[in-house]
N, C-alpha and C. Protein backbone atom coordinates (compact mmCIF):
# COMPACT_ATOMS: atom_id res chain seq x y z
N MET A 1 -114.34 -128.60 -84.23
CA MET A 1 -113.88 -127.22 -84.10
C MET A 1 -114.47 -126.44 -85.27
N SER A 2 -114.94 -125.27 -84.99
CA SER A 2 -115.51 -124.38 -86.14
C SER A 2 -114.33 -123.96 -86.83
N ARG A 3 -114.72 -123.55 -88.18
CA ARG A 3 -113.63 -123.00 -89.14
C ARG A 3 -113.05 -121.73 -88.55
N ALA A 4 -113.83 -120.87 -87.88
CA ALA A 4 -113.24 -119.69 -87.37
C ALA A 4 -112.23 -119.94 -86.29
N ALA A 5 -112.44 -120.97 -85.49
CA ALA A 5 -111.55 -121.30 -84.36
C ALA A 5 -110.25 -121.90 -84.91
N GLU A 6 -110.25 -122.35 -86.14
CA GLU A 6 -108.98 -122.80 -86.71
C GLU A 6 -107.94 -121.68 -87.02
N PHE A 7 -108.45 -120.57 -87.34
CA PHE A 7 -107.59 -119.39 -87.69
C PHE A 7 -106.44 -119.15 -86.55
N ILE A 8 -106.89 -118.85 -85.33
CA ILE A 8 -106.02 -118.60 -84.34
C ILE A 8 -106.41 -119.40 -83.13
N PRO A 9 -105.64 -120.39 -82.66
CA PRO A 9 -106.13 -121.23 -81.56
C PRO A 9 -106.14 -120.44 -80.26
N ALA A 10 -106.96 -120.97 -79.30
CA ALA A 10 -107.21 -120.32 -78.03
C ALA A 10 -105.90 -120.18 -77.24
N ALA A 11 -104.95 -121.04 -77.44
CA ALA A 11 -103.69 -120.98 -76.77
C ALA A 11 -102.96 -119.68 -77.11
N ALA A 12 -103.28 -118.95 -78.17
CA ALA A 12 -102.62 -117.79 -78.64
C ALA A 12 -103.25 -116.49 -77.92
N ALA A 13 -104.39 -116.76 -77.40
CA ALA A 13 -105.18 -115.51 -76.76
C ALA A 13 -104.24 -114.76 -75.82
N PRO A 14 -103.49 -115.38 -74.87
CA PRO A 14 -102.67 -114.55 -73.99
C PRO A 14 -101.65 -113.64 -74.65
N VAL A 15 -101.09 -114.14 -75.87
CA VAL A 15 -100.11 -113.36 -76.59
C VAL A 15 -100.77 -112.17 -77.06
N PHE A 16 -101.96 -112.29 -77.77
CA PHE A 16 -102.68 -111.10 -78.34
C PHE A 16 -103.28 -110.20 -77.35
N ALA A 17 -103.68 -110.71 -76.22
CA ALA A 17 -104.08 -109.95 -75.11
C ALA A 17 -103.01 -108.98 -74.62
N ALA A 18 -101.84 -109.65 -74.43
CA ALA A 18 -100.68 -108.87 -73.95
C ALA A 18 -100.21 -107.77 -74.94
N LEU A 19 -100.34 -108.09 -76.19
CA LEU A 19 -100.00 -107.04 -77.24
C LEU A 19 -101.07 -105.99 -77.32
N GLY A 20 -102.19 -106.22 -76.76
CA GLY A 20 -103.31 -105.20 -76.99
C GLY A 20 -103.30 -104.16 -75.95
N ASP A 21 -102.30 -103.93 -75.22
CA ASP A 21 -102.18 -102.86 -74.31
C ASP A 21 -100.99 -101.94 -74.42
N PRO A 22 -101.27 -100.53 -74.48
CA PRO A 22 -100.21 -99.68 -74.92
C PRO A 22 -99.01 -99.73 -73.91
N THR A 23 -99.21 -99.90 -72.68
CA THR A 23 -98.16 -99.89 -71.61
C THR A 23 -97.26 -101.17 -71.87
N ARG A 24 -97.96 -102.27 -72.13
CA ARG A 24 -97.01 -103.43 -72.49
C ARG A 24 -96.30 -103.33 -73.76
N LEU A 25 -96.92 -102.71 -74.77
CA LEU A 25 -96.20 -102.35 -76.02
C LEU A 25 -95.00 -101.54 -75.73
N ASN A 26 -95.16 -100.53 -74.79
CA ASN A 26 -94.09 -99.64 -74.41
C ASN A 26 -92.95 -100.33 -73.72
N LEU A 27 -93.42 -101.32 -72.82
CA LEU A 27 -92.37 -102.10 -72.15
C LEU A 27 -91.61 -102.95 -72.98
N LEU A 28 -92.27 -103.58 -74.00
CA LEU A 28 -91.57 -104.36 -74.99
C LEU A 28 -90.58 -103.56 -75.80
N ALA A 29 -90.94 -102.37 -76.13
CA ALA A 29 -90.12 -101.44 -76.90
C ALA A 29 -88.82 -101.13 -76.07
N ARG A 30 -89.09 -100.96 -74.81
CA ARG A 30 -87.92 -100.62 -73.97
C ARG A 30 -86.98 -101.87 -73.77
N LEU A 31 -87.43 -102.99 -73.94
CA LEU A 31 -86.59 -104.32 -73.82
C LEU A 31 -86.17 -104.81 -75.13
N ARG A 32 -86.61 -104.23 -76.22
CA ARG A 32 -86.32 -104.80 -77.56
C ARG A 32 -84.77 -104.97 -77.95
N ASP A 33 -83.89 -104.14 -77.25
CA ASP A 33 -82.48 -104.28 -77.53
C ASP A 33 -81.81 -105.40 -76.87
N GLY A 34 -82.60 -106.16 -76.06
CA GLY A 34 -82.00 -107.42 -75.47
C GLY A 34 -81.28 -107.15 -74.09
N ARG A 35 -81.17 -105.95 -73.71
CA ARG A 35 -80.46 -105.67 -72.47
C ARG A 35 -81.37 -105.84 -71.32
N PRO A 36 -80.95 -106.61 -70.29
CA PRO A 36 -81.75 -106.84 -69.04
C PRO A 36 -81.90 -105.49 -68.35
N ARG A 37 -83.20 -105.28 -67.91
CA ARG A 37 -83.63 -103.93 -67.18
C ARG A 37 -84.23 -104.34 -65.88
N SER A 38 -84.02 -103.46 -64.91
CA SER A 38 -84.64 -103.65 -63.67
C SER A 38 -85.96 -103.04 -63.73
N ILE A 39 -86.83 -103.38 -62.70
CA ILE A 39 -88.14 -102.77 -62.55
C ILE A 39 -88.03 -101.21 -62.47
N VAL A 40 -86.98 -100.69 -61.75
CA VAL A 40 -86.80 -99.27 -61.62
C VAL A 40 -86.54 -98.58 -62.95
N GLU A 41 -85.69 -99.24 -63.78
CA GLU A 41 -85.46 -98.75 -65.14
C GLU A 41 -86.73 -98.73 -65.96
N LEU A 42 -87.48 -99.79 -65.96
CA LEU A 42 -88.68 -99.92 -66.67
C LEU A 42 -89.82 -99.03 -66.27
N THR A 43 -89.84 -98.67 -65.04
CA THR A 43 -90.87 -97.76 -64.51
C THR A 43 -90.66 -96.37 -64.77
N ASP A 44 -89.33 -95.98 -64.96
CA ASP A 44 -88.94 -94.58 -65.17
C ASP A 44 -89.73 -93.98 -66.38
N GLY A 45 -90.40 -92.95 -66.17
CA GLY A 45 -91.03 -92.25 -67.28
C GLY A 45 -92.42 -92.79 -67.67
N LEU A 46 -92.89 -93.85 -67.11
CA LEU A 46 -94.14 -94.39 -67.43
C LEU A 46 -95.33 -93.84 -66.75
N GLY A 47 -95.09 -93.22 -65.60
CA GLY A 47 -96.18 -92.68 -64.80
C GLY A 47 -96.96 -93.67 -64.12
N LEU A 48 -96.35 -94.87 -63.86
CA LEU A 48 -97.07 -96.01 -63.19
C LEU A 48 -96.12 -96.39 -61.91
N THR A 49 -96.72 -96.98 -60.95
CA THR A 49 -96.04 -97.49 -59.79
C THR A 49 -95.31 -98.82 -60.23
N ARG A 50 -94.35 -99.19 -59.44
CA ARG A 50 -93.58 -100.41 -59.77
C ARG A 50 -94.46 -101.56 -59.69
N GLN A 51 -95.51 -101.50 -58.84
CA GLN A 51 -96.44 -102.68 -58.69
C GLN A 51 -97.34 -102.70 -60.03
N GLY A 52 -97.63 -101.57 -60.49
CA GLY A 52 -98.35 -101.52 -61.88
C GLY A 52 -97.54 -102.09 -62.91
N VAL A 53 -96.22 -101.67 -63.06
CA VAL A 53 -95.35 -102.19 -64.15
C VAL A 53 -95.16 -103.73 -63.91
N SER A 54 -95.04 -104.09 -62.65
CA SER A 54 -94.90 -105.61 -62.36
C SER A 54 -96.02 -106.39 -62.88
N LYS A 55 -97.23 -105.91 -62.78
CA LYS A 55 -98.41 -106.54 -63.30
C LYS A 55 -98.40 -106.69 -64.78
N HIS A 56 -97.98 -105.63 -65.41
CA HIS A 56 -97.87 -105.67 -66.86
C HIS A 56 -96.73 -106.62 -67.31
N LEU A 57 -95.59 -106.62 -66.53
CA LEU A 57 -94.58 -107.62 -66.89
C LEU A 57 -94.98 -109.10 -66.62
N ARG A 58 -95.82 -109.28 -65.72
CA ARG A 58 -96.36 -110.57 -65.38
C ARG A 58 -97.18 -111.08 -66.58
N VAL A 59 -98.04 -110.22 -67.11
CA VAL A 59 -98.85 -110.60 -68.27
C VAL A 59 -97.95 -110.90 -69.50
N LEU A 60 -96.96 -110.06 -69.72
CA LEU A 60 -95.98 -110.38 -70.74
C LEU A 60 -95.23 -111.75 -70.56
N ALA A 61 -94.88 -111.96 -69.36
CA ALA A 61 -94.10 -113.22 -69.03
C ALA A 61 -95.09 -114.38 -69.30
N ASP A 62 -96.31 -114.32 -68.87
CA ASP A 62 -97.22 -115.40 -69.04
C ASP A 62 -97.52 -115.65 -70.60
N ALA A 63 -97.38 -114.58 -71.39
CA ALA A 63 -97.53 -114.77 -72.77
C ALA A 63 -96.21 -115.24 -73.44
N GLY A 64 -95.15 -115.35 -72.69
CA GLY A 64 -93.89 -115.82 -73.28
C GLY A 64 -93.03 -114.81 -73.98
N MET A 65 -93.39 -113.49 -73.63
CA MET A 65 -92.57 -112.43 -74.37
C MET A 65 -91.51 -111.78 -73.41
N VAL A 66 -91.57 -111.99 -72.19
CA VAL A 66 -90.59 -111.45 -71.28
C VAL A 66 -90.16 -112.47 -70.35
N LYS A 67 -88.86 -112.55 -69.93
CA LYS A 67 -88.33 -113.41 -68.95
C LYS A 67 -87.63 -112.64 -67.91
N SER A 68 -87.69 -113.10 -66.71
CA SER A 68 -86.98 -112.41 -65.56
C SER A 68 -85.97 -113.26 -64.99
N LYS A 69 -84.96 -112.74 -64.49
CA LYS A 69 -83.90 -113.53 -63.67
C LYS A 69 -83.44 -112.69 -62.70
N ARG A 70 -83.04 -113.37 -61.49
CA ARG A 70 -82.58 -112.68 -60.41
C ARG A 70 -80.99 -112.39 -60.55
N ILE A 71 -80.75 -111.14 -60.25
CA ILE A 71 -79.25 -110.81 -60.17
C ILE A 71 -79.06 -110.22 -58.87
N GLY A 72 -78.48 -110.95 -57.99
CA GLY A 72 -78.45 -110.45 -56.61
C GLY A 72 -79.70 -110.30 -56.02
N ARG A 73 -80.16 -109.12 -55.41
CA ARG A 73 -81.38 -108.98 -54.83
C ARG A 73 -82.42 -108.41 -55.87
N GLU A 74 -82.09 -108.23 -57.05
CA GLU A 74 -82.86 -107.63 -57.94
C GLU A 74 -83.32 -108.46 -59.14
N SER A 75 -84.50 -108.33 -59.61
CA SER A 75 -84.97 -109.08 -60.80
C SER A 75 -84.61 -108.18 -62.00
N ARG A 76 -84.17 -108.76 -63.09
CA ARG A 76 -83.89 -108.18 -64.39
C ARG A 76 -84.85 -108.78 -65.48
N PHE A 77 -85.37 -107.87 -66.23
CA PHE A 77 -86.29 -108.45 -67.30
C PHE A 77 -85.66 -108.24 -68.64
N VAL A 78 -85.99 -109.30 -69.52
CA VAL A 78 -85.38 -109.39 -70.81
C VAL A 78 -86.47 -109.72 -71.84
N PHE A 79 -86.40 -109.25 -73.06
CA PHE A 79 -87.35 -109.58 -74.05
C PHE A 79 -87.07 -111.08 -74.52
N GLU A 80 -88.16 -111.79 -74.66
CA GLU A 80 -88.07 -113.12 -75.17
C GLU A 80 -88.79 -113.21 -76.52
N PRO A 81 -88.04 -113.21 -77.62
CA PRO A 81 -88.73 -113.18 -78.98
C PRO A 81 -89.55 -114.37 -79.35
N ALA A 82 -89.52 -115.48 -78.60
CA ALA A 82 -90.28 -116.64 -78.93
C ALA A 82 -91.75 -116.33 -78.89
N GLY A 83 -92.19 -115.48 -77.83
CA GLY A 83 -93.55 -115.16 -77.79
C GLY A 83 -94.13 -114.44 -78.91
N LEU A 84 -93.37 -113.44 -79.41
CA LEU A 84 -93.72 -112.64 -80.57
C LEU A 84 -93.68 -113.49 -81.78
N ALA A 85 -92.69 -114.40 -81.89
CA ALA A 85 -92.59 -115.39 -82.99
C ALA A 85 -93.85 -116.26 -83.11
N GLN A 86 -94.40 -116.66 -81.94
CA GLN A 86 -95.58 -117.44 -81.90
C GLN A 86 -96.77 -116.63 -82.40
N ALA A 87 -96.94 -115.37 -82.01
CA ALA A 87 -98.06 -114.53 -82.57
C ALA A 87 -97.85 -114.42 -84.11
N ARG A 88 -96.67 -114.20 -84.57
CA ARG A 88 -96.44 -114.00 -86.01
C ARG A 88 -96.84 -115.26 -86.74
N ALA A 89 -96.54 -116.51 -86.16
CA ALA A 89 -96.88 -117.72 -86.79
C ALA A 89 -98.38 -117.92 -86.87
N HIS A 90 -99.12 -117.55 -85.71
CA HIS A 90 -100.51 -117.65 -85.81
C HIS A 90 -101.12 -116.81 -86.82
N LEU A 91 -100.77 -115.58 -86.97
CA LEU A 91 -101.19 -114.57 -87.96
C LEU A 91 -100.91 -115.08 -89.33
N GLU A 92 -99.76 -115.69 -89.52
CA GLU A 92 -99.41 -116.14 -90.97
C GLU A 92 -100.30 -117.24 -91.31
N ARG A 93 -100.63 -118.21 -90.33
CA ARG A 93 -101.52 -119.30 -90.63
C ARG A 93 -102.85 -118.75 -90.89
N ALA A 94 -103.37 -117.75 -90.16
CA ALA A 94 -104.71 -117.17 -90.37
C ALA A 94 -104.70 -116.59 -91.89
N SER A 95 -103.65 -115.88 -92.14
CA SER A 95 -103.46 -115.22 -93.44
C SER A 95 -103.58 -116.32 -94.57
N ARG A 96 -102.86 -117.45 -94.43
CA ARG A 96 -102.97 -118.43 -95.49
C ARG A 96 -104.41 -118.97 -95.61
N GLN A 97 -105.05 -119.19 -94.43
CA GLN A 97 -106.38 -119.79 -94.52
C GLN A 97 -107.37 -118.74 -95.22
N TRP A 98 -107.24 -117.52 -94.93
CA TRP A 98 -108.00 -116.43 -95.53
C TRP A 98 -107.84 -116.48 -97.06
N ASP A 99 -106.52 -116.59 -97.41
CA ASP A 99 -106.11 -116.65 -98.85
C ASP A 99 -106.82 -117.79 -99.53
N ARG A 100 -106.86 -119.01 -98.90
CA ARG A 100 -107.48 -120.08 -99.50
C ARG A 100 -108.97 -119.96 -99.50
N THR A 101 -109.56 -119.25 -98.59
CA THR A 101 -111.08 -119.02 -98.51
C THR A 101 -111.35 -117.97 -99.67
N LEU A 102 -110.55 -117.00 -99.81
CA LEU A 102 -110.90 -115.95 -100.87
C LEU A 102 -110.68 -116.65 -102.24
N GLU A 103 -109.73 -117.49 -102.40
CA GLU A 103 -109.57 -118.15 -103.63
C GLU A 103 -110.77 -119.10 -104.03
N ARG A 104 -111.23 -119.78 -103.03
CA ARG A 104 -112.48 -120.59 -103.32
C ARG A 104 -113.63 -119.72 -103.63
N LEU A 105 -113.86 -118.55 -103.02
CA LEU A 105 -114.93 -117.60 -103.30
C LEU A 105 -114.75 -117.04 -104.64
N ARG A 106 -113.54 -116.73 -105.06
CA ARG A 106 -113.33 -116.21 -106.38
C ARG A 106 -113.63 -117.24 -107.40
N ALA A 107 -113.23 -118.49 -107.28
CA ALA A 107 -113.53 -119.56 -108.20
C ALA A 107 -115.14 -119.76 -108.25
N PHE A 108 -115.77 -119.65 -107.17
CA PHE A 108 -117.18 -119.87 -107.16
C PHE A 108 -117.94 -118.72 -107.96
N VAL A 109 -117.50 -117.54 -107.73
CA VAL A 109 -118.08 -116.33 -108.36
C VAL A 109 -117.81 -116.48 -109.85
N GLU A 110 -116.62 -116.88 -110.28
CA GLU A 110 -116.25 -116.83 -111.63
C GLU A 110 -116.93 -117.98 -112.44
N GLU A 111 -117.15 -119.07 -111.70
CA GLU A 111 -118.01 -120.23 -112.31
C GLU A 111 -119.40 -119.86 -112.47
N GLY A 112 -119.96 -119.00 -111.61
CA GLY A 112 -121.34 -118.83 -111.52
C GLY A 112 -121.80 -117.72 -112.44
């Protein structure tokens, strides 16, 4: 495995891809209070169809940041903090690796 690949593993790609879209960030913001919301509630004011919002919610669910559950005939969506915690853990690991790399560079420059 290359040193660059060690920073953030490929398994983290869906999390970062999901976070890279403004609509998905908006949906996460709407869900951040932990209250389950219907597709109708989440679509309101977004300027997207329910199908469009459903596709974004699927991406967030695949990344582990949203869960859905059926309540009667309706699906409700809720924020799942584990997906965001996973992203944070990957970024913290990458930060530590960069810190070590910069420290080695500093030592090399100061010795030379």
